[in-house]
Amino acid sequence: MENTLTLYVRYLAKPGCRETFLRQLTIRREDGCLRYDYFLSVQNADEILLVEQWQTEEKQQAHLRAPHMDQLRRLKSEYVADARLGRVRLD
């Protein structure tokens, strides 16, 4: 799995919007997706962590161009105050 790409996205939902945001997400099984998991913070009721893993960076880039990503962008503008993306390097 040396060529895999692992990313995380830390979402900070607008106050009280975390559950509404999550209920409207549509998770799709996409070519090259190995993992696409959401985790909820117990310390911060508005925080969400997404961990996604892809076979290649090209597969992840194709995911960003998929039609359902327009819906995610709309939901983020409505329910998310901040989102931070990071790359995970695994040994």
C-alpha atoms as a PDB file:
ATOM      1  CA  MET A   1       0.000   0.000   0.000  1.00  0.00           C
ATOM      2  CA  GLU A   2       2.954   2.293  -0.575  1.00  0.00           C
ATOM      3  CA  ASN A   3       1.192   4.475  -3.172  1.00  0.00           C
ATOM      4  CA  THR A   4      -1.984   5.022  -1.164  1.00  0.00           C
ATOM      5  CA  LEU A   5      -3.098   8.510  -0.230  1.00  0.00           C
ATOM      6  CA  THR A   6      -4.523   9.092   3.253  1.00  0.00           C
ATOM      7  CA  LEU A   7      -6.135  12.423   4.055  1.00  0.00           C
ATOM      8  CA  TYR A   8      -8.052  13.864   6.951  1.00  0.00           C
ATOM      9  CA  VAL A   9     -10.570  16.671   6.974  1.00  0.00           C
ATOM     10  CA  ARG A  10     -11.440  18.395  10.245  1.00  0.00           C
ATOM     11  CA  TYR A  11     -14.859  19.976   9.962  1.00  0.00           C
ATOM     12  CA  LEU A  12     -16.143  22.488  12.489  1.00  0.00           C
ATOM     13  CA  ALA A  13     -19.887  22.664  12.001  1.00  0.00           C
ATOM     14  CA  LYS A  14     -21.805  25.832  12.668  1.00  0.00           C
ATOM     15  CA  PRO A  15     -23.189  25.690  16.245  1.00  0.00           C
ATOM     16  CA  GLY A  16     -25.819  22.973  16.524  1.00  0.00           C
ATOM     17  CA  CYS A  17     -25.551  21.912  12.850  1.00  0.00           C
ATOM     18  CA  ARG A  18     -23.317  18.814  13.101  1.00  0.00           C
ATOM     19  CA  GLU A  19     -26.109  16.214  13.104  1.00  0.00           C
ATOM     20  CA  THR A  20     -28.058  17.951  10.321  1.00  0.00           C
ATOM     21  CA  PHE A  21     -24.920  18.090   8.175  1.00  0.00           C
ATOM     22  CA  LEU A  22     -24.136  14.409   8.757  1.00  0.00           C
ATOM     23  CA  ARG A  23     -27.699  13.228   8.060  1.00  0.00           C
ATOM     24  CA  GLN A  24     -27.651  14.856   4.624  1.00  0.00           C
ATOM     25  CA  LEU A  25     -24.314  13.446   3.499  1.00  0.00           C
ATOM     26  CA  THR A  26     -24.403  10.787   0.828  1.00  0.00           C
ATOM     27  CA  ILE A  27     -21.435   8.473   1.001  1.00  0.00           C
ATOM     28  CA  ARG A  28     -20.702   6.730  -2.258  1.00  0.00           C
ATOM     29  CA  ARG A  29     -18.471   3.748  -2.877  1.00  0.00           C
ATOM     30  CA  GLU A  30     -16.102   5.036  -5.516  1.00  0.00           C
ATOM     31  CA  ASP A  31     -13.418   3.412  -7.621  1.00  0.00           C
ATOM     32  CA  GLY A  32     -10.161   3.533  -5.699  1.00  0.00           C
ATOM     33  CA  CYS A  33     -11.669   4.409  -2.315  1.00  0.00           C
ATOM     34  CA  LEU A  34     -10.237   2.227   0.449  1.00  0.00           C
ATOM     35  CA  ARG A  35     -11.661   4.121   3.428  1.00  0.00           C
ATOM     36  CA  TYR A  36     -14.073   7.014   3.975  1.00  0.00           C
ATOM     37  CA  ASP A  37     -14.916   7.241   7.683  1.00  0.00           C
ATOM     38  CA  TYR A  38     -16.401  10.003   9.816  1.00  0.00           C
ATOM     39  CA  PHE A  39     -15.556  10.334  13.523  1.00  0.00           C
ATOM     40  CA  LEU A  40     -17.338  12.575  16.031  1.00  0.00           C
ATOM     41  CA  SER A  41     -15.605  14.448  18.831  1.00  0.00           C
ATOM     42  CA  VAL A  42     -16.911  13.831  22.338  1.00  0.00           C
ATOM     43  CA  GLN A  43     -15.275  17.044  23.586  1.00  0.00           C
ATOM     44  CA  ASN A  44     -16.680  19.360  20.896  1.00  0.00           C
ATOM     45  CA  ALA A  45     -20.263  18.810  19.736  1.00  0.00           C
ATOM     46  CA  ASP A  46     -19.555  20.690  16.496  1.00  0.00           C
ATOM     47  CA  GLU A  47     -16.393  18.841  15.415  1.00  0.00           C
ATOM     48  CA  ILE A  48     -16.207  16.051  12.807  1.00  0.00           C
ATOM     49  CA  LEU A  49     -13.132  14.217  11.548  1.00  0.00           C
ATOM     50  CA  LEU A  50     -13.150  12.531   8.150  1.00  0.00           C
ATOM     51  CA  VAL A  51     -10.406  10.030   7.330  1.00  0.00           C
ATOM     52  CA  GLU A  52     -10.234   8.993   3.706  1.00  0.00           C
ATOM     53  CA  GLN A  53      -7.813   6.645   2.008  1.00  0.00           C
ATOM     54  CA  TRP A  54      -7.389   6.201  -1.736  1.00  0.00           C
ATOM     55  CA  GLN A  55      -5.455   3.743  -3.887  1.00  0.00           C
ATOM     56  CA  THR A  56      -3.814   6.686  -5.667  1.00  0.00           C
ATOM     57  CA  GLU A  57      -3.887  10.475  -5.666  1.00  0.00           C
ATOM     58  CA  GLU A  58      -5.431  10.345  -9.141  1.00  0.00           C
ATOM     59  CA  LYS A  59      -8.426   8.364  -7.794  1.00  0.00           C
ATOM     60  CA  GLN A  60      -8.909  10.972  -5.054  1.00  0.00           C
ATOM     61  CA  GLN A  61      -8.763  13.791  -7.596  1.00  0.00           C
ATOM     62  CA  ALA A  62     -11.431  12.043  -9.700  1.00  0.00           C
ATOM     63  CA  HIS A  63     -13.567  11.861  -6.534  1.00  0.00           C
ATOM     64  CA  LEU A  64     -13.328  15.658  -6.188  1.00  0.00           C
ATOM     65  CA  ARG A  65     -14.725  16.043  -9.717  1.00  0.00           C
ATOM     66  CA  ALA A  66     -17.654  13.645  -9.134  1.00  0.00           C
ATOM     67  CA  PRO A  67     -21.155  15.167  -9.410  1.00  0.00           C
ATOM     68  CA  HIS A  68     -22.101  14.425  -5.783  1.00  0.00           C
ATOM     69  CA  MET A  69     -19.270  16.685  -4.611  1.00  0.00           C
ATOM     70  CA  ASP A  70     -21.405  19.672  -5.676  1.00  0.00           C
ATOM     71  CA  GLN A  71     -23.950  18.599  -3.060  1.00  0.00           C
ATOM     72  CA  LEU A  72     -21.198  18.349  -0.437  1.00  0.00           C
ATOM     73  CA  ARG A  73     -19.993  21.862  -1.290  1.00  0.00           C
ATOM     74  CA  ARG A  74     -23.543  23.188  -0.876  1.00  0.00           C
ATOM     75  CA  LEU A  75     -23.973  21.406   2.468  1.00  0.00           C
ATOM     76  CA  LYS A  76     -20.627  22.718   3.685  1.00  0.00           C
ATOM     77  CA  SER A  77     -21.574  26.298   2.852  1.00  0.00           C
ATOM     78  CA  GLU A  78     -24.822  25.878   4.786  1.00  0.00           C
ATOM     79  CA  TYR A  79     -23.686  23.882   7.842  1.00  0.00           C
ATOM     80  CA  VAL A  80     -19.882  24.114   8.204  1.00  0.00           C
ATOM     81  CA  ALA A  81     -18.005  27.064   9.709  1.00  0.00           C
ATOM     82  CA  ASP A  82     -14.494  25.758   8.933  1.00  0.00           C
ATOM     83  CA  ALA A  83     -12.807  22.798   7.237  1.00  0.00           C
ATOM     84  CA  ARG A  84      -9.113  21.904   7.335  1.00  0.00           C
ATOM     85  CA  LEU A  85      -7.496  19.304   5.100  1.00  0.00           C
ATOM     86  CA  GLY A  86      -4.303  17.433   5.926  1.00  0.00           C
ATOM     87  CA  ARG A  87      -2.291  14.572   4.512  1.00  0.00           C
ATOM     88  CA  VAL A  88      -1.359  11.607   6.694  1.00  0.00           C
ATOM     89  CA  ARG A  89       2.014  10.001   6.135  1.00  0.00           C
ATOM     90  CA  LEU A  90       2.151   6.405   7.315  1.00  0.00           C
ATOM     91  CA  ASP A  91       5.326   4.382   7.730  1.00  0.00           C
END
